[in-house]
Amino acid sequence: LENLPANLPTEILQFRDEVIEQLN
């Protein structure tokens, strides 16, 4: 998930960050 491209829509990136935070 950290390796996903950074030029995705902000909604997807924010949701990805939520999942990463839970995974941490």
mmCIF file of all heavy atoms, coordinates in Angstrom:
data_MODEL
# 
_entry.id   MODEL 
# 
loop_
_atom_site.group_PDB 
_atom_site.id 
_atom_site.type_symbol 
_atom_site.label_atom_id 
_atom_site.label_alt_id 
_atom_site.label_comp_id 
_atom_site.label_asym_id 
_atom_site.label_entity_id 
_atom_site.label_seq_id 
_atom_site.pdbx_PDB_ins_code 
_atom_site.Cartn_x 
_atom_site.Cartn_y 
_atom_site.Cartn_z 
_atom_site.occupancy 
_atom_site.B_iso_or_equiv 
_atom_site.pdbx_formal_charge 
_atom_site.auth_seq_id 
_atom_site.auth_comp_id 
_atom_site.auth_asym_id 
_atom_site.auth_atom_id 
_atom_site.pdbx_PDB_model_num 
ATOM 1   N N   . LEU A 1 1  ? 0.825   -1.211 0.000   1.00 0.00 ? 1  LEU A N   1 
ATOM 2   C CA  . LEU A 1 1  ? 0.000   0.000  0.000   1.00 0.00 ? 1  LEU A CA  1 
ATOM 3   C C   . LEU A 1 1  ? 0.855   1.255  0.000   1.00 0.00 ? 1  LEU A C   1 
ATOM 4   O O   . LEU A 1 1  ? 0.489   2.263  -0.607  1.00 0.00 ? 1  LEU A O   1 
ATOM 5   C CB  . LEU A 1 1  ? -0.941  0.002  1.210   1.00 0.00 ? 1  LEU A CB  1 
ATOM 6   C CG  . LEU A 1 1  ? -2.058  -1.036 1.183   1.00 0.00 ? 1  LEU A CG  1 
ATOM 7   C CD1 . LEU A 1 1  ? -2.888  -0.937 2.448   1.00 0.00 ? 1  LEU A CD1 1 
ATOM 8   C CD2 . LEU A 1 1  ? -2.936  -0.859 -0.036  1.00 0.00 ? 1  LEU A CD2 1 
ATOM 9   N N   . GLU A 1 2  ? 1.980   1.196  0.669   1.00 0.00 ? 2  GLU A N   1 
ATOM 10  C CA  . GLU A 1 2  ? 2.889   2.348  0.656   1.00 0.00 ? 2  GLU A CA  1 
ATOM 11  C C   . GLU A 1 2  ? 3.499   2.557  -0.723  1.00 0.00 ? 2  GLU A C   1 
ATOM 12  O O   . GLU A 1 2  ? 3.915   3.664  -1.061  1.00 0.00 ? 2  GLU A O   1 
ATOM 13  C CB  . GLU A 1 2  ? 3.981   2.170  1.704   1.00 0.00 ? 2  GLU A CB  1 
ATOM 14  C CG  . GLU A 1 2  ? 3.468   2.300  3.122   1.00 0.00 ? 2  GLU A CG  1 
ATOM 15  C CD  . GLU A 1 2  ? 4.497   1.929  4.170   1.00 0.00 ? 2  GLU A CD  1 
ATOM 16  O OE1 . GLU A 1 2  ? 5.528   1.319  3.809   1.00 0.00 ? 2  GLU A OE1 1 
ATOM 17  O OE2 . GLU A 1 2  ? 4.254   2.245  5.339   1.00 0.00 ? 2  GLU A OE2 1 
ATOM 18  N N   . ASN A 1 3  ? 3.548   1.507  -1.538  1.00 0.00 ? 3  ASN A N   1 
ATOM 19  C CA  . ASN A 1 3  ? 4.131   1.604  -2.877  1.00 0.00 ? 3  ASN A CA  1 
ATOM 20  C C   . ASN A 1 3  ? 3.124   2.004  -3.948  1.00 0.00 ? 3  ASN A C   1 
ATOM 21  O O   . ASN A 1 3  ? 3.479   2.058  -5.131  1.00 0.00 ? 3  ASN A O   1 
ATOM 22  C CB  . ASN A 1 3  ? 4.766   0.263  -3.277  1.00 0.00 ? 3  ASN A CB  1 
ATOM 23  C CG  . ASN A 1 3  ? 6.005   -0.020 -2.470  1.00 0.00 ? 3  ASN A CG  1 
ATOM 24  O OD1 . ASN A 1 3  ? 6.624   0.880  -1.914  1.00 0.00 ? 3  ASN A OD1 1 
ATOM 25  N ND2 . ASN A 1 3  ? 6.366   -1.287 -2.377  1.00 0.00 ? 3  ASN A ND2 1 
ATOM 26  N N   . LEU A 1 4  ? 1.879   2.277  -3.561  1.00 0.00 ? 4  LEU A N   1 
ATOM 27  C CA  . LEU A 1 4  ? 0.912   2.751  -4.554  1.00 0.00 ? 4  LEU A CA  1 
ATOM 28  C C   . LEU A 1 4  ? 1.376   4.094  -5.111  1.00 0.00 ? 4  LEU A C   1 
ATOM 29  O O   . LEU A 1 4  ? 1.971   4.896  -4.385  1.00 0.00 ? 4  LEU A O   1 
ATOM 30  C CB  . LEU A 1 4  ? -0.464  2.915  -3.920  1.00 0.00 ? 4  LEU A CB  1 
ATOM 31  C CG  . LEU A 1 4  ? -1.352  1.686  -3.873  1.00 0.00 ? 4  LEU A CG  1 
ATOM 32  C CD1 . LEU A 1 4  ? -2.635  1.991  -3.113  1.00 0.00 ? 4  LEU A CD1 1 
ATOM 33  C CD2 . LEU A 1 4  ? -1.679  1.194  -5.254  1.00 0.00 ? 4  LEU A CD2 1 
ATOM 34  N N   . PRO A 1 5  ? 1.114   4.346  -6.380  1.00 0.00 ? 5  PRO A N   1 
ATOM 35  C CA  . PRO A 1 5  ? 1.517   5.628  -6.961  1.00 0.00 ? 5  PRO A CA  1 
ATOM 36  C C   . PRO A 1 5  ? 0.893   6.809  -6.220  1.00 0.00 ? 5  PRO A C   1 
ATOM 37  O O   . PRO A 1 5  ? -0.229  6.725  -5.722  1.00 0.00 ? 5  PRO A O   1 
ATOM 38  C CB  . PRO A 1 5  ? 0.993   5.551  -8.394  1.00 0.00 ? 5  PRO A CB  1 
ATOM 39  C CG  . PRO A 1 5  ? 0.816   4.108  -8.679  1.00 0.00 ? 5  PRO A CG  1 
ATOM 40  C CD  . PRO A 1 5  ? 0.494   3.460  -7.371  1.00 0.00 ? 5  PRO A CD  1 
ATOM 41  N N   . ALA A 1 6  ? 1.623   7.899  -6.176  1.00 0.00 ? 6  ALA A N   1 
ATOM 42  C CA  . ALA A 1 6  ? 1.172   9.080  -5.433  1.00 0.00 ? 6  ALA A CA  1 
ATOM 43  C C   . ALA A 1 6  ? 0.200   9.955  -6.235  1.00 0.00 ? 6  ALA A C   1 
ATOM 44  O O   . ALA A 1 6  ? -0.419  10.834 -5.661  1.00 0.00 ? 6  ALA A O   1 
ATOM 45  C CB  . ALA A 1 6  ? 2.380   9.915  -5.015  1.00 0.00 ? 6  ALA A CB  1 
ATOM 46  N N   . ASN A 1 7  ? 0.058   9.689  -7.514  1.00 0.00 ? 7  ASN A N   1 
ATOM 47  C CA  . ASN A 1 7  ? -0.818  10.537 -8.327  1.00 0.00 ? 7  ASN A CA  1 
ATOM 48  C C   . ASN A 1 7  ? -2.220  9.939  -8.488  1.00 0.00 ? 7  ASN A C   1 
ATOM 49  O O   . ASN A 1 7  ? -2.884  10.155 -9.490  1.00 0.00 ? 7  ASN A O   1 
ATOM 50  C CB  . ASN A 1 7  ? -0.185  10.842 -9.688  1.00 0.00 ? 7  ASN A CB  1 
ATOM 51  C CG  . ASN A 1 7  ? 0.253   9.596  -10.410 1.00 0.00 ? 7  ASN A CG  1 
ATOM 52  O OD1 . ASN A 1 7  ? 0.294   8.518  -9.835  1.00 0.00 ? 7  ASN A OD1 1 
ATOM 53  N ND2 . ASN A 1 7  ? 0.591   9.741  -11.673 1.00 0.00 ? 7  ASN A ND2 1 
ATOM 54  N N   . LEU A 1 8  ? -2.680  9.227  -7.481  1.00 0.00 ? 8  LEU A N   1 
ATOM 55  C CA  . LEU A 1 8  ? -4.053  8.729  -7.446  1.00 0.00 ? 8  LEU A CA  1 
ATOM 56  C C   . LEU A 1 8  ? -4.959  9.817  -6.873  1.00 0.00 ? 8  LEU A C   1 
ATOM 57  O O   . LEU A 1 8  ? -4.467  10.774 -6.273  1.00 0.00 ? 8  LEU A O   1 
ATOM 58  C CB  . LEU A 1 8  ? -4.129  7.475  -6.572  1.00 0.00 ? 8  LEU A CB  1 
ATOM 59  C CG  . LEU A 1 8  ? -3.431  6.226  -7.116  1.00 0.00 ? 8  LEU A CG  1 
ATOM 60  C CD1 . LEU A 1 8  ? -3.350  5.164  -6.050  1.00 0.00 ? 8  LEU A CD1 1 
ATOM 61  C CD2 . LEU A 1 8  ? -4.161  5.711  -8.332  1.00 0.00 ? 8  LEU A CD2 1 
ATOM 62  N N   . PRO A 1 9  ? -6.266  9.685  -7.003  1.00 0.00 ? 9  PRO A N   1 
ATOM 63  C CA  . PRO A 1 9  ? -7.167  10.687 -6.414  1.00 0.00 ? 9  PRO A CA  1 
ATOM 64  C C   . PRO A 1 9  ? -6.998  10.757 -4.885  1.00 0.00 ? 9  PRO A C   1 
ATOM 65  O O   . PRO A 1 9  ? -6.651  9.770  -4.238  1.00 0.00 ? 9  PRO A O   1 
ATOM 66  C CB  . PRO A 1 9  ? -8.565  10.166 -6.771  1.00 0.00 ? 9  PRO A CB  1 
ATOM 67  C CG  . PRO A 1 9  ? -8.359  9.256  -7.918  1.00 0.00 ? 9  PRO A CG  1 
ATOM 68  C CD  . PRO A 1 9  ? -6.995  8.689  -7.785  1.00 0.00 ? 9  PRO A CD  1 
ATOM 69  N N   . THR A 1 10 ? -7.250  11.918 -4.347  1.00 0.00 ? 10 THR A N   1 
ATOM 70  C CA  . THR A 1 10 ? -7.021  12.138 -2.912  1.00 0.00 ? 10 THR A CA  1 
ATOM 71  C C   . THR A 1 10 ? -7.904  11.242 -2.046  1.00 0.00 ? 10 THR A C   1 
ATOM 72  O O   . THR A 1 10 ? -7.483  10.836 -0.970  1.00 0.00 ? 10 THR A O   1 
ATOM 73  C CB  . THR A 1 10 ? -7.261  13.608 -2.532  1.00 0.00 ? 10 THR A CB  1 
ATOM 74  O OG1 . THR A 1 10 ? -8.566  13.989 -2.926  1.00 0.00 ? 10 THR A OG1 1 
ATOM 75  C CG2 . THR A 1 10 ? -6.230  14.505 -3.178  1.00 0.00 ? 10 THR A CG2 1 
ATOM 76  N N   . GLU A 1 11 ? -9.120  10.909 -2.500  1.00 0.00 ? 11 GLU A N   1 
ATOM 77  C CA  . GLU A 1 11 ? -9.990  10.039 -1.707  1.00 0.00 ? 11 GLU A CA  1 
ATOM 78  C C   . GLU A 1 11 ? -9.361  8.663  -1.529  1.00 0.00 ? 11 GLU A C   1 
ATOM 79  O O   . GLU A 1 11 ? -9.386  8.089  -0.442  1.00 0.00 ? 11 GLU A O   1 
ATOM 80  C CB  . GLU A 1 11 ? -11.371 9.886  -2.361  1.00 0.00 ? 11 GLU A CB  1 
ATOM 81  C CG  . GLU A 1 11 ? -12.156 11.163 -2.507  1.00 0.00 ? 11 GLU A CG  1 
ATOM 82  C CD  . GLU A 1 11 ? -11.811 11.914 -3.782  1.00 0.00 ? 11 GLU A CD  1 
ATOM 83  O OE1 . GLU A 1 11 ? -11.317 11.313 -4.750  1.00 0.00 ? 11 GLU A OE1 1 
ATOM 84  O OE2 . GLU A 1 11 ? -12.030 13.140 -3.791  1.00 0.00 ? 11 GLU A OE2 1 
ATOM 85  N N   . ILE A 1 12 ? -8.802  8.146  -2.600  1.00 0.00 ? 12 ILE A N   1 
ATOM 86  C CA  . ILE A 1 12 ? -8.165  6.825  -2.536  1.00 0.00 ? 12 ILE A CA  1 
ATOM 87  C C   . ILE A 1 12 ? -6.915  6.890  -1.669  1.00 0.00 ? 12 ILE A C   1 
ATOM 88  O O   . ILE A 1 12 ? -6.663  5.994  -0.852  1.00 0.00 ? 12 ILE A O   1 
ATOM 89  C CB  . ILE A 1 12 ? -7.844  6.307  -3.956  1.00 0.00 ? 12 ILE A CB  1 
ATOM 90  C CG1 . ILE A 1 12 ? -9.151  5.998  -4.696  1.00 0.00 ? 12 ILE A CG1 1 
ATOM 91  C CG2 . ILE A 1 12 ? -6.958  5.070  -3.907  1.00 0.00 ? 12 ILE A CG2 1 
ATOM 92  C CD1 . ILE A 1 12 ? -8.980  5.555  -6.121  1.00 0.00 ? 12 ILE A CD1 1 
ATOM 93  N N   . LEU A 1 13 ? -6.136  7.951  -1.811  1.00 0.00 ? 13 LEU A N   1 
ATOM 94  C CA  . LEU A 1 13 ? -4.923  8.075  -1.000  1.00 0.00 ? 13 LEU A CA  1 
ATOM 95  C C   . LEU A 1 13 ? -5.239  8.248  0.485   1.00 0.00 ? 13 LEU A C   1 
ATOM 96  O O   . LEU A 1 13 ? -4.551  7.689  1.341   1.00 0.00 ? 13 LEU A O   1 
ATOM 97  C CB  . LEU A 1 13 ? -4.068  9.235  -1.507  1.00 0.00 ? 13 LEU A CB  1 
ATOM 98  C CG  . LEU A 1 13 ? -3.432  9.041  -2.882  1.00 0.00 ? 13 LEU A CG  1 
ATOM 99  C CD1 . LEU A 1 13 ? -2.703  10.303 -3.303  1.00 0.00 ? 13 LEU A CD1 1 
ATOM 100 C CD2 . LEU A 1 13 ? -2.506  7.848  -2.886  1.00 0.00 ? 13 LEU A CD2 1 
ATOM 101 N N   . GLN A 1 14 ? -6.289  9.004  0.792   1.00 0.00 ? 14 GLN A N   1 
ATOM 102 C CA  . GLN A 1 14 ? -6.677  9.164  2.194   1.00 0.00 ? 14 GLN A CA  1 
ATOM 103 C C   . GLN A 1 14 ? -7.165  7.847  2.777   1.00 0.00 ? 14 GLN A C   1 
ATOM 104 O O   . GLN A 1 14 ? -6.826  7.501  3.910   1.00 0.00 ? 14 GLN A O   1 
ATOM 105 C CB  . GLN A 1 14 ? -7.773  10.225 2.327   1.00 0.00 ? 14 GLN A CB  1 
ATOM 106 C CG  . GLN A 1 14 ? -7.284  11.625 2.124   1.00 0.00 ? 14 GLN A CG  1 
ATOM 107 C CD  . GLN A 1 14 ? -8.419  12.635 2.085   1.00 0.00 ? 14 GLN A CD  1 
ATOM 108 O OE1 . GLN A 1 14 ? -9.582  12.280 1.968   1.00 0.00 ? 14 GLN A OE1 1 
ATOM 109 N NE2 . GLN A 1 14 ? -8.058  13.907 2.175   1.00 0.00 ? 14 GLN A NE2 1 
ATOM 110 N N   . PHE A 1 15 ? -7.934  7.111  2.002   1.00 0.00 ? 15 PHE A N   1 
ATOM 111 C CA  . PHE A 1 15 ? -8.415  5.813  2.475   1.00 0.00 ? 15 PHE A CA  1 
ATOM 112 C C   . PHE A 1 15 ? -7.247  4.844  2.650   1.00 0.00 ? 15 PHE A C   1 
ATOM 113 O O   . PHE A 1 15 ? -7.189  4.078  3.615   1.00 0.00 ? 15 PHE A O   1 
ATOM 114 C CB  . PHE A 1 15 ? -9.454  5.268  1.495   1.00 0.00 ? 15 PHE A CB  1 
ATOM 115 C CG  . PHE A 1 15 ? -10.265 4.149  2.049   1.00 0.00 ? 15 PHE A CG  1 
ATOM 116 C CD1 . PHE A 1 15 ? -11.161 4.386  3.067   1.00 0.00 ? 15 PHE A CD1 1 
ATOM 117 C CD2 . PHE A 1 15 ? -10.125 2.873  1.567   1.00 0.00 ? 15 PHE A CD2 1 
ATOM 118 C CE1 . PHE A 1 15 ? -11.919 3.359  3.592   1.00 0.00 ? 15 PHE A CE1 1 
ATOM 119 C CE2 . PHE A 1 15 ? -10.870 1.832  2.089   1.00 0.00 ? 15 PHE A CE2 1 
ATOM 120 C CZ  . PHE A 1 15 ? -11.774 2.076  3.102   1.00 0.00 ? 15 PHE A CZ  1 
ATOM 121 N N   . ARG A 1 16 ? -6.286  4.906  1.722   1.00 0.00 ? 16 ARG A N   1 
ATOM 122 C CA  . ARG A 1 16 ? -5.081  4.073  1.844   1.00 0.00 ? 16 ARG A CA  1 
ATOM 123 C C   . ARG A 1 16 ? -4.327  4.412  3.119   1.00 0.00 ? 16 ARG A C   1 
ATOM 124 O O   . ARG A 1 16 ? -3.863  3.529  3.833   1.00 0.00 ? 16 ARG A O   1 
ATOM 125 C CB  . ARG A 1 16 ? -4.178  4.301  0.634   1.00 0.00 ? 16 ARG A CB  1 
ATOM 126 C CG  . ARG A 1 16 ? -2.873  3.504  0.722   1.00 0.00 ? 16 ARG A CG  1 
ATOM 127 C CD  . ARG A 1 16 ? -1.799  4.084  -0.120  1.00 0.00 ? 16 ARG A CD  1 
ATOM 128 N NE  . ARG A 1 16 ? -1.427  5.417  0.369   1.00 0.00 ? 16 ARG A NE  1 
ATOM 129 C CZ  . ARG A 1 16 ? -0.456  6.128  -0.135  1.00 0.00 ? 16 ARG A CZ  1 
ATOM 130 N NH1 . ARG A 1 16 ? 0.229   5.676  -1.152  1.00 0.00 ? 16 ARG A NH1 1 
ATOM 131 N NH2 . ARG A 1 16 ? -0.157  7.302  0.351   1.00 0.00 ? 16 ARG A NH2 1 
ATOM 132 N N   . ASP A 1 17 ? -4.225  5.704  3.428   1.00 0.00 ? 17 ASP A N   1 
ATOM 133 C CA  . ASP A 1 17 ? -3.526  6.114  4.648   1.00 0.00 ? 17 ASP A CA  1 
ATOM 134 C C   . ASP A 1 17 ? -4.242  5.619  5.904   1.00 0.00 ? 17 ASP A C   1 
ATOM 135 O O   . ASP A 1 17 ? -3.596  5.254  6.887   1.00 0.00 ? 17 ASP A O   1 
ATOM 136 C CB  . ASP A 1 17 ? -3.379  7.634  4.684   1.00 0.00 ? 17 ASP A CB  1 
ATOM 137 C CG  . ASP A 1 17 ? -2.437  8.147  3.602   1.00 0.00 ? 17 ASP A CG  1 
ATOM 138 O OD1 . ASP A 1 17 ? -1.631  7.340  3.083   1.00 0.00 ? 17 ASP A OD1 1 
ATOM 139 O OD2 . ASP A 1 17 ? -2.518  9.347  3.273   1.00 0.00 ? 17 ASP A OD2 1 
ATOM 140 N N   . GLU A 1 18 ? -5.572  5.587  5.880   1.00 0.00 ? 18 GLU A N   1 
ATOM 141 C CA  . GLU A 1 18 ? -6.326  5.039  7.010   1.00 0.00 ? 18 GLU A CA  1 
ATOM 142 C C   . GLU A 1 18 ? -6.006  3.562  7.213   1.00 0.00 ? 18 GLU A C   1 
ATOM 143 O O   . GLU A 1 18 ? -5.810  3.111  8.342   1.00 0.00 ? 18 GLU A O   1 
ATOM 144 C CB  . GLU A 1 18 ? -7.826  5.199  6.787   1.00 0.00 ? 18 GLU A CB  1 
ATOM 145 C CG  . GLU A 1 18 ? -8.343  6.602  6.899   1.00 0.00 ? 18 GLU A CG  1 
ATOM 146 C CD  . GLU A 1 18 ? -9.826  6.684  6.576   1.00 0.00 ? 18 GLU A CD  1 
ATOM 147 O OE1 . GLU A 1 18 ? -10.526 5.645  6.686   1.00 0.00 ? 18 GLU A OE1 1 
ATOM 148 O OE2 . GLU A 1 18 ? -10.276 7.766  6.208   1.00 0.00 ? 18 GLU A OE2 1 
ATOM 149 N N   . VAL A 1 19 ? -5.963  2.824  6.114   1.00 0.00 ? 19 VAL A N   1 
ATOM 150 C CA  . VAL A 1 19 ? -5.667  1.392  6.205   1.00 0.00 ? 19 VAL A CA  1 
ATOM 151 C C   . VAL A 1 19 ? -4.239  1.190  6.700   1.00 0.00 ? 19 VAL A C   1 
ATOM 152 O O   . VAL A 1 19 ? -3.979  0.323  7.557   1.00 0.00 ? 19 VAL A O   1 
ATOM 153 C CB  . VAL A 1 19 ? -5.897  0.701  4.843   1.00 0.00 ? 19 VAL A CB  1 
ATOM 154 C CG1 . VAL A 1 19 ? -5.462  -0.752 4.892   1.00 0.00 ? 19 VAL A CG1 1 
ATOM 155 C CG2 . VAL A 1 19 ? -7.350  0.814  4.424   1.00 0.00 ? 19 VAL A CG2 1 
ATOM 156 N N   . ILE A 1 20 ? -3.298  1.984  6.208   1.00 0.00 ? 20 ILE A N   1 
ATOM 157 C CA  . ILE A 1 20 ? -1.907  1.869  6.649   1.00 0.00 ? 20 ILE A CA  1 
ATOM 158 C C   . ILE A 1 20 ? -1.794  2.178  8.141   1.00 0.00 ? 20 ILE A C   1 
ATOM 159 O O   . ILE A 1 20 ? -1.052  1.510  8.871   1.00 0.00 ? 20 ILE A O   1 
ATOM 160 C CB  . ILE A 1 20 ? -0.990  2.784  5.809   1.00 0.00 ? 20 ILE A CB  1 
ATOM 161 C CG1 . ILE A 1 20 ? -0.847  2.226  4.397   1.00 0.00 ? 20 ILE A CG1 1 
ATOM 162 C CG2 . ILE A 1 20 ? 0.381   2.941  6.465   1.00 0.00 ? 20 ILE A CG2 1 
ATOM 163 C CD1 . ILE A 1 20 ? -0.085  3.116  3.455   1.00 0.00 ? 20 ILE A CD1 1 
ATOM 164 N N   . GLU A 1 21 ? -2.546  3.172  8.600   1.00 0.00 ? 21 GLU A N   1 
ATOM 165 C CA  . GLU A 1 21 ? -2.511  3.513  10.020  1.00 0.00 ? 21 GLU A CA  1 
ATOM 166 C C   . GLU A 1 21 ? -3.015  2.348  10.879  1.00 0.00 ? 21 GLU A C   1 
ATOM 167 O O   . GLU A 1 21 ? -2.438  2.040  11.918  1.00 0.00 ? 21 GLU A O   1 
ATOM 168 C CB  . GLU A 1 21 ? -3.371  4.751  10.273  1.00 0.00 ? 21 GLU A CB  1 
ATOM 169 C CG  . GLU A 1 21 ? -3.267  5.283  11.675  1.00 0.00 ? 21 GLU A CG  1 
ATOM 170 C CD  . GLU A 1 21 ? -4.046  6.571  11.836  1.00 0.00 ? 21 GLU A CD  1 
ATOM 171 O OE1 . GLU A 1 21 ? -4.004  7.417  10.921  1.00 0.00 ? 21 GLU A OE1 1 
ATOM 172 O OE2 . GLU A 1 21 ? -4.701  6.712  12.881  1.00 0.00 ? 21 GLU A OE2 1 
ATOM 173 N N   . GLN A 1 22 ? -4.073  1.680  10.427  1.00 0.00 ? 22 GLN A N   1 
ATOM 174 C CA  . GLN A 1 22 ? -4.558  0.519  11.154  1.00 0.00 ? 22 GLN A CA  1 
ATOM 175 C C   . GLN A 1 22 ? -3.537  -0.615 11.106  1.00 0.00 ? 22 GLN A C   1 
ATOM 176 O O   . GLN A 1 22 ? -3.346  -1.316 12.087  1.00 0.00 ? 22 GLN A O   1 
ATOM 177 C CB  . GLN A 1 22 ? -5.878  0.021  10.576  1.00 0.00 ? 22 GLN A CB  1 
ATOM 178 C CG  . GLN A 1 22 ? -7.088  0.622  11.224  1.00 0.00 ? 22 GLN A CG  1 
ATOM 179 C CD  . GLN A 1 22 ? -8.356  -0.033 10.728  1.00 0.00 ? 22 GLN A CD  1 
ATOM 180 O OE1 . GLN A 1 22 ? -8.582  -0.100 9.517   1.00 0.00 ? 22 GLN A OE1 1 
ATOM 181 N NE2 . GLN A 1 22 ? -9.175  -0.490 11.648  1.00 0.00 ? 22 GLN A NE2 1 
ATOM 182 N N   . LEU A 1 23 ? -2.898  -0.777 9.961   1.00 0.00 ? 23 LEU A N   1 
ATOM 183 C CA  . LEU A 1 23 ? -1.889  -1.832 9.835   1.00 0.00 ? 23 LEU A CA  1 
ATOM 184 C C   . LEU A 1 23 ? -0.673  -1.569 10.701  1.00 0.00 ? 23 LEU A C   1 
ATOM 185 O O   . LEU A 1 23 ? -0.040  -2.519 11.178  1.00 0.00 ? 23 LEU A O   1 
ATOM 186 C CB  . LEU A 1 23 ? -1.480  -1.992 8.365   1.00 0.00 ? 23 LEU A CB  1 
ATOM 187 C CG  . LEU A 1 23 ? -2.480  -2.674 7.475   1.00 0.00 ? 23 LEU A CG  1 
ATOM 188 C CD1 . LEU A 1 23 ? -2.061  -2.549 6.016   1.00 0.00 ? 23 LEU A CD1 1 
ATOM 189 C CD2 . LEU A 1 23 ? -2.651  -4.130 7.844   1.00 0.00 ? 23 LEU A CD2 1 
ATOM 190 N N   . ASN A 1 24 ? -0.333  -0.304 10.917  1.00 0.00 ? 24 ASN A N   1 
ATOM 191 C CA  . ASN A 1 24 ? 0.794   0.019  11.789  1.00 0.00 ? 24 ASN A CA  1 
ATOM 192 C C   . ASN A 1 24 ? 0.597   -0.546 13.184  1.00 0.00 ? 24 ASN A C   1 
ATOM 193 O O   . ASN A 1 24 ? 1.546   -0.993 13.827  1.00 0.00 ? 24 ASN A O   1 
ATOM 194 C CB  . ASN A 1 24 ? 1.003   1.538  11.875  1.00 0.00 ? 24 ASN A CB  1 
ATOM 195 C CG  . ASN A 1 24 ? 1.675   2.099  10.667  1.00 0.00 ? 24 ASN A CG  1 
ATOM 196 O OD1 . ASN A 1 24 ? 2.395   1.397  9.960   1.00 0.00 ? 24 ASN A OD1 1 
ATOM 197 N ND2 . ASN A 1 24 ? 1.445   3.361  10.394  1.00 0.00 ? 24 ASN A ND2 1 
# 
